N, C-alpha and C. Protein backbone atom coordinates (compact mmCIF):
# COMPACT_ATOMS: atom_id res chain seq x y z
N UNK A 1 110.71 119.56 145.98
CA UNK A 1 111.83 118.66 145.84
C UNK A 1 113.08 119.50 145.66
N UNK A 2 114.13 119.12 146.35
CA UNK A 2 115.40 119.82 146.18
C UNK A 2 116.49 118.80 145.91
N UNK A 3 117.52 119.23 145.20
CA UNK A 3 118.64 118.36 144.86
C UNK A 3 119.86 119.23 144.64
N UNK A 4 121.01 118.60 144.59
CA UNK A 4 122.28 119.31 144.45
C UNK A 4 122.87 119.03 143.08
N UNK A 5 123.17 120.07 142.31
CA UNK A 5 123.84 119.92 141.02
C UNK A 5 124.96 120.93 140.94
N UNK A 6 126.11 120.50 140.48
CA UNK A 6 127.27 121.38 140.34
C UNK A 6 127.52 122.20 141.61
N UNK A 7 127.35 121.54 142.76
CA UNK A 7 127.55 122.17 144.08
C UNK A 7 126.62 123.35 144.30
N UNK A 8 125.50 123.39 143.58
CA UNK A 8 124.50 124.42 143.76
C UNK A 8 123.17 123.76 144.07
N UNK A 9 122.53 124.18 145.12
CA UNK A 9 121.24 123.59 145.49
C UNK A 9 120.15 124.16 144.59
N UNK A 10 119.27 123.31 144.12
CA UNK A 10 118.16 123.72 143.27
C UNK A 10 116.87 123.18 143.83
N UNK A 11 115.78 123.81 143.46
CA UNK A 11 114.49 123.34 143.93
C UNK A 11 113.49 123.41 142.78
N UNK A 12 112.64 122.41 142.71
CA UNK A 12 111.60 122.35 141.68
C UNK A 12 110.24 122.32 142.37
N UNK A 13 109.26 122.94 141.76
CA UNK A 13 107.92 122.93 142.32
C UNK A 13 107.16 121.70 141.87
N UNK A 14 106.05 121.45 142.53
CA UNK A 14 105.24 120.28 142.18
C UNK A 14 104.66 120.38 140.78
N UNK A 15 104.54 121.57 140.24
CA UNK A 15 103.98 121.73 138.90
C UNK A 15 104.94 121.24 137.83
N UNK A 16 106.23 121.25 138.12
CA UNK A 16 107.23 120.82 137.15
C UNK A 16 107.34 119.30 137.08
N UNK A 17 107.26 118.64 138.23
CA UNK A 17 107.39 117.19 138.30
C UNK A 17 106.22 116.63 139.09
N UNK A 18 105.35 115.90 138.44
CA UNK A 18 104.17 115.34 139.10
C UNK A 18 104.34 113.85 139.31
N UNK A 19 103.79 113.35 140.40
CA UNK A 19 103.85 111.92 140.70
C UNK A 19 102.66 111.23 140.06
N UNK A 20 102.95 110.14 139.36
CA UNK A 20 101.90 109.33 138.76
C UNK A 20 101.74 108.05 139.56
N UNK A 21 100.72 107.26 139.23
CA UNK A 21 100.47 106.01 139.95
C UNK A 21 101.66 105.07 139.89
N UNK A 22 102.41 105.06 138.80
CA UNK A 22 103.52 104.13 138.66
C UNK A 22 104.75 104.55 139.45
N UNK A 23 104.84 105.82 139.81
CA UNK A 23 105.96 106.28 140.63
C UNK A 23 105.77 105.78 142.06
N UNK A 24 106.86 105.46 142.72
CA UNK A 24 106.77 104.88 144.06
C UNK A 24 107.82 105.48 144.98
N UNK A 25 107.51 105.44 146.26
CA UNK A 25 108.52 105.69 147.29
C UNK A 25 108.55 104.44 148.15
N UNK A 26 109.69 103.81 148.23
CA UNK A 26 109.83 102.54 148.94
C UNK A 26 110.55 102.75 150.26
N UNK A 27 110.05 102.15 151.31
CA UNK A 27 110.72 102.19 152.61
C UNK A 27 111.58 100.94 152.74
N UNK A 28 112.85 101.14 153.06
CA UNK A 28 113.79 100.03 153.16
C UNK A 28 114.56 100.19 154.46
N UNK A 29 114.07 99.58 155.53
CA UNK A 29 114.74 99.75 156.82
C UNK A 29 114.62 101.18 157.30
N UNK A 30 115.76 101.82 157.55
CA UNK A 30 115.77 103.21 158.01
C UNK A 30 115.91 104.22 156.88
N UNK A 31 116.02 103.74 155.66
CA UNK A 31 116.22 104.67 154.55
C UNK A 31 115.00 104.71 153.64
N UNK A 32 114.87 105.77 152.90
CA UNK A 32 113.79 105.92 151.93
C UNK A 32 114.40 105.89 150.54
N UNK A 33 113.85 105.08 149.68
CA UNK A 33 114.32 104.97 148.30
C UNK A 33 113.23 105.50 147.39
N UNK A 34 113.50 106.53 146.64
CA UNK A 34 112.52 107.09 145.72
C UNK A 34 112.85 106.66 144.30
N UNK A 35 111.85 106.19 143.60
CA UNK A 35 112.01 105.83 142.20
C UNK A 35 111.42 106.97 141.38
N UNK A 36 112.27 107.67 140.67
CA UNK A 36 111.80 108.77 139.84
C UNK A 36 111.75 108.30 138.39
N UNK A 37 110.79 108.81 137.67
CA UNK A 37 110.58 108.34 136.30
C UNK A 37 111.18 109.25 135.26
N UNK A 38 110.81 109.00 134.04
CA UNK A 38 111.39 109.70 132.91
C UNK A 38 111.07 111.18 132.89
N UNK A 39 109.97 111.61 133.51
CA UNK A 39 109.64 113.04 133.54
C UNK A 39 110.75 113.82 134.21
N UNK A 40 111.31 113.27 135.28
CA UNK A 40 112.43 113.90 135.97
C UNK A 40 113.75 113.63 135.26
N UNK A 41 114.01 112.36 134.96
CA UNK A 41 115.33 111.96 134.46
C UNK A 41 115.63 112.46 133.05
N UNK A 42 114.64 112.78 132.25
CA UNK A 42 114.93 113.25 130.90
C UNK A 42 115.60 114.63 130.90
N UNK A 43 115.52 115.34 132.00
CA UNK A 43 116.13 116.66 132.11
C UNK A 43 117.60 116.61 132.53
N UNK A 44 118.10 115.42 132.90
CA UNK A 44 119.43 115.30 133.48
C UNK A 44 120.21 114.13 132.89
N UNK A 45 121.53 114.25 132.91
CA UNK A 45 122.41 113.10 132.73
C UNK A 45 122.57 112.51 134.12
N UNK A 46 122.49 111.21 134.24
CA UNK A 46 122.60 110.60 135.56
C UNK A 46 123.70 109.55 135.57
N UNK A 47 124.44 109.51 136.69
CA UNK A 47 125.51 108.54 136.90
C UNK A 47 125.23 107.87 138.24
N UNK A 48 125.25 106.54 138.26
CA UNK A 48 124.96 105.77 139.46
C UNK A 48 126.24 105.12 139.96
N UNK A 49 126.68 105.51 141.15
CA UNK A 49 127.88 104.97 141.77
C UNK A 49 127.45 104.03 142.90
N UNK A 50 127.27 102.76 142.56
CA UNK A 50 126.78 101.80 143.54
C UNK A 50 127.79 101.51 144.64
N UNK A 51 129.08 101.63 144.33
CA UNK A 51 130.11 101.40 145.34
C UNK A 51 130.08 102.41 146.47
N UNK A 52 129.69 103.64 146.16
CA UNK A 52 129.63 104.70 147.16
C UNK A 52 128.20 105.11 147.51
N UNK A 53 127.21 104.34 147.02
CA UNK A 53 125.80 104.66 147.27
C UNK A 53 125.49 106.12 146.94
N UNK A 54 125.82 106.51 145.71
CA UNK A 54 125.69 107.90 145.30
C UNK A 54 125.11 107.99 143.89
N UNK A 55 124.33 109.02 143.65
CA UNK A 55 123.80 109.31 142.32
C UNK A 55 124.23 110.72 141.95
N UNK A 56 124.80 110.88 140.76
CA UNK A 56 125.19 112.20 140.27
C UNK A 56 124.24 112.65 139.18
N UNK A 57 123.84 113.92 139.22
CA UNK A 57 122.95 114.48 138.21
C UNK A 57 123.57 115.74 137.63
N UNK A 58 123.51 115.87 136.32
CA UNK A 58 123.96 117.08 135.64
C UNK A 58 122.88 117.47 134.65
N UNK A 59 122.57 118.74 134.58
CA UNK A 59 121.51 119.22 133.70
C UNK A 59 121.86 118.92 132.25
N UNK A 60 120.92 118.31 131.54
CA UNK A 60 121.11 118.01 130.12
C UNK A 60 120.96 119.30 129.31
N UNK A 61 121.72 119.40 128.24
CA UNK A 61 121.64 120.62 127.43
C UNK A 61 120.60 120.49 126.36
């Protein structure tokens, strides 16, 4: 998995973030929507900009 934080690309291995039965990837037309759980989100501050269809992540201290 890779993502962009502070204009720096980062990558995490599967050992750091594992998918459980409750985690889902939903297909919606031509786009893919991934629902990530607390295992991922507890490491970051997240901001959801619905007007611009954007999610911002910053590493939590």
